[in-house]
Amino acid sequence: MNPASTDHPHVFKGRLEGAGEVFAAPAEQSLFESMRQAGLDWPVSCRNGTCRSCIGHLSAGQVAYDIPWPGLSLEEKRDGYCLPCIAKPLTDLVLQRA
């Protein structure tokens, strides 16, 4: 399977800004897991949204969280920051390192 394949209706297209690397982002898994499966390097530690080592900025797109309040302030969420270790895509997206 092509890492950027989006043939399935619940698989979105993710792109890392700057590097232009593209990856498939299934709706049912975290952005970090999708990037890992595509062989892309992204910092991560706790994988539960508390350490913030994976924080990134969404230049485009939307994500959702299974937990009610991930380790982001309201201002960070409003400004487009996300935690890829627990963020699941709702749309195609563009992500950059914070």
C-alpha atoms as a PDB file:
ATOM      1  CA  MET A   1       0.000   0.000   0.000  1.00  0.00           C
ATOM      2  CA  ASN A   2       1.247   3.467  -0.874  1.00  0.00           C
ATOM      3  CA  PRO A   3       1.805   5.379   2.411  1.00  0.00           C
ATOM      4  CA  ALA A   4      -0.219   8.279   1.044  1.00  0.00           C
ATOM      5  CA  SER A   5      -3.093   6.165  -0.287  1.00  0.00           C
ATOM      6  CA  THR A   6      -6.473   7.600   0.591  1.00  0.00           C
ATOM      7  CA  ASP A   7      -8.687   5.146  -1.324  1.00  0.00           C
ATOM      8  CA  HIS A   8     -10.671   4.214   1.794  1.00  0.00           C
ATOM      9  CA  PRO A   9     -13.311   6.875   2.677  1.00  0.00           C
ATOM     10  CA  HIS A  10     -12.156   7.058   6.306  1.00  0.00           C
ATOM     11  CA  VAL A  11      -8.505   7.560   5.448  1.00  0.00           C
ATOM     12  CA  PHE A  12      -7.397  11.146   5.203  1.00  0.00           C
ATOM     13  CA  LYS A  13      -4.292  12.611   3.635  1.00  0.00           C
ATOM     14  CA  GLY A  14      -1.697  14.071   5.988  1.00  0.00           C
ATOM     15  CA  ARG A  15       1.239  16.199   4.957  1.00  0.00           C
ATOM     16  CA  LEU A  16       4.206  17.429   6.968  1.00  0.00           C
ATOM     17  CA  GLU A  17       4.745  21.098   6.172  1.00  0.00           C
ATOM     18  CA  GLY A  18       8.220  22.019   5.055  1.00  0.00           C
ATOM     19  CA  ALA A  19       9.389  18.510   4.187  1.00  0.00           C
ATOM     20  CA  GLY A  20       6.318  17.854   2.050  1.00  0.00           C
ATOM     21  CA  GLU A  21       6.142  14.255   3.262  1.00  0.00           C
ATOM     22  CA  VAL A  22       2.688  12.737   2.764  1.00  0.00           C
ATOM     23  CA  PHE A  23       1.076   9.963   4.787  1.00  0.00           C
ATOM     24  CA  ALA A  24      -2.225   8.123   5.000  1.00  0.00           C
ATOM     25  CA  ALA A  25      -4.134   9.118   8.150  1.00  0.00           C
ATOM     26  CA  PRO A  26      -6.916   6.638   9.011  1.00  0.00           C
ATOM     27  CA  ALA A  27      -9.670   8.192  11.117  1.00  0.00           C
ATOM     28  CA  GLU A  28      -9.460   5.442  13.745  1.00  0.00           C
ATOM     29  CA  GLN A  29      -5.798   5.922  14.698  1.00  0.00           C
ATOM     30  CA  SER A  30      -3.580   8.695  16.020  1.00  0.00           C
ATOM     31  CA  LEU A  31      -1.608  10.936  13.717  1.00  0.00           C
ATOM     32  CA  PHE A  32       1.587   9.720  15.362  1.00  0.00           C
ATOM     33  CA  GLU A  33       0.746   6.083  14.594  1.00  0.00           C
ATOM     34  CA  SER A  34      -0.046   7.014  10.984  1.00  0.00           C
ATOM     35  CA  MET A  35       3.276   8.854  10.625  1.00  0.00           C
ATOM     36  CA  ARG A  36       5.144   5.951  12.248  1.00  0.00           C
ATOM     37  CA  GLN A  37       3.566   3.469   9.819  1.00  0.00           C
ATOM     38  CA  ALA A  38       4.644   5.695   6.919  1.00  0.00           C
ATOM     39  CA  GLY A  39       8.239   5.692   8.220  1.00  0.00           C
ATOM     40  CA  LEU A  40       8.194   9.367   9.204  1.00  0.00           C
ATOM     41  CA  ASP A  41      10.094  10.645  12.203  1.00  0.00           C
ATOM     42  CA  TRP A  42       8.127  12.600  14.833  1.00  0.00           C
ATOM     43  CA  PRO A  43       9.097  13.142  18.496  1.00  0.00           C
ATOM     44  CA  VAL A  44       6.968  11.273  21.022  1.00  0.00           C
ATOM     45  CA  SER A  45       7.298  10.074  24.594  1.00  0.00           C
ATOM     46  CA  CYS A  46       4.225   9.363  26.738  1.00  0.00           C
ATOM     47  CA  ARG A  47       1.696   8.587  23.962  1.00  0.00           C
ATOM     48  CA  ASN A  48      -1.189   9.686  26.211  1.00  0.00           C
ATOM     49  CA  GLY A  49      -1.251  13.464  25.726  1.00  0.00           C
ATOM     50  CA  THR A  50       0.461  14.601  28.916  1.00  0.00           C
ATOM     51  CA  CYS A  51       4.172  15.115  28.195  1.00  0.00           C
ATOM     52  CA  ARG A  52       3.682  17.369  25.131  1.00  0.00           C
ATOM     53  CA  SER A  53       6.887  16.178  23.439  1.00  0.00           C
ATOM     54  CA  CYS A  54       4.896  15.526  20.241  1.00  0.00           C
ATOM     55  CA  ILE A  55       3.164  18.927  20.049  1.00  0.00           C
ATOM     56  CA  GLY A  56       2.625  20.177  16.519  1.00  0.00           C
ATOM     57  CA  HIS A  57       0.697  22.881  14.719  1.00  0.00           C
ATOM     58  CA  LEU A  58      -2.094  22.227  12.233  1.00  0.00           C
ATOM     59  CA  SER A  59      -1.692  24.582   9.284  1.00  0.00           C
ATOM     60  CA  ALA A  60      -4.816  23.038   7.779  1.00  0.00           C
ATOM     61  CA  GLY A  61      -7.385  20.457   8.820  1.00  0.00           C
ATOM     62  CA  GLN A  62      -9.076  19.306  11.997  1.00  0.00           C
ATOM     63  CA  VAL A  63      -8.490  16.616  14.613  1.00  0.00           C
ATOM     64  CA  ALA A  64     -10.436  15.111  17.504  1.00  0.00           C
ATOM     65  CA  TYR A  65      -9.447  13.498  20.783  1.00  0.00           C
ATOM     66  CA  ASP A  66     -10.898  10.500  22.613  1.00  0.00           C
ATOM     67  CA  ILE A  67     -10.092  12.152  25.941  1.00  0.00           C
ATOM     68  CA  PRO A  68     -12.117  15.204  27.014  1.00  0.00           C
ATOM     69  CA  TRP A  69      -9.175  17.523  27.615  1.00  0.00           C
ATOM     70  CA  PRO A  70      -5.755  16.727  26.146  1.00  0.00           C
ATOM     71  CA  GLY A  71      -2.650  18.420  27.531  1.00  0.00           C
ATOM     72  CA  LEU A  72      -3.244  21.667  25.639  1.00  0.00           C
ATOM     73  CA  SER A  73      -4.435  25.017  26.895  1.00  0.00           C
ATOM     74  CA  LEU A  74      -7.595  26.503  25.412  1.00  0.00           C
ATOM     75  CA  GLU A  75      -5.441  29.127  23.664  1.00  0.00           C
ATOM     76  CA  GLU A  76      -3.189  26.445  22.140  1.00  0.00           C
ATOM     77  CA  LYS A  77      -6.214  24.558  20.831  1.00  0.00           C
ATOM     78  CA  ARG A  78      -7.647  27.786  19.364  1.00  0.00           C
ATOM     79  CA  ASP A  79      -4.291  28.554  17.736  1.00  0.00           C
ATOM     80  CA  GLY A  80      -4.229  25.160  15.990  1.00  0.00           C
ATOM     81  CA  TYR A  81      -1.814  23.203  18.142  1.00  0.00           C
ATOM     82  CA  CYS A  82      -2.353  19.482  18.543  1.00  0.00           C
ATOM     83  CA  LEU A  83      -0.852  16.430  20.199  1.00  0.00           C
ATOM     84  CA  PRO A  84      -0.339  13.889  17.386  1.00  0.00           C
ATOM     85  CA  CYS A  85       0.143  11.014  19.835  1.00  0.00           C
ATOM     86  CA  ILE A  86      -3.589  11.136  20.647  1.00  0.00           C
ATOM     87  CA  ALA A  87      -5.090  13.322  17.876  1.00  0.00           C
ATOM     88  CA  LYS A  88      -7.225  11.543  15.282  1.00  0.00           C
ATOM     89  CA  PRO A  89      -7.907  13.184  11.920  1.00  0.00           C
ATOM     90  CA  LEU A  90     -11.333  14.472  10.963  1.00  0.00           C
ATOM     91  CA  THR A  91     -10.175  15.885   7.598  1.00  0.00           C
ATOM     92  CA  ASP A  92      -7.121  15.979   5.356  1.00  0.00           C
ATOM     93  CA  LEU A  93      -4.468  17.971   7.215  1.00  0.00           C
ATOM     94  CA  VAL A  94      -1.133  19.731   7.130  1.00  0.00           C
ATOM     95  CA  LEU A  95       1.028  19.412  10.233  1.00  0.00           C
ATOM     96  CA  GLN A  96       4.217  21.197  11.197  1.00  0.00           C
ATOM     97  CA  ARG A  97       6.556  20.822  14.131  1.00  0.00           C
ATOM     98  CA  ALA A  98       5.921  23.410  16.804  1.00  0.00           C
END
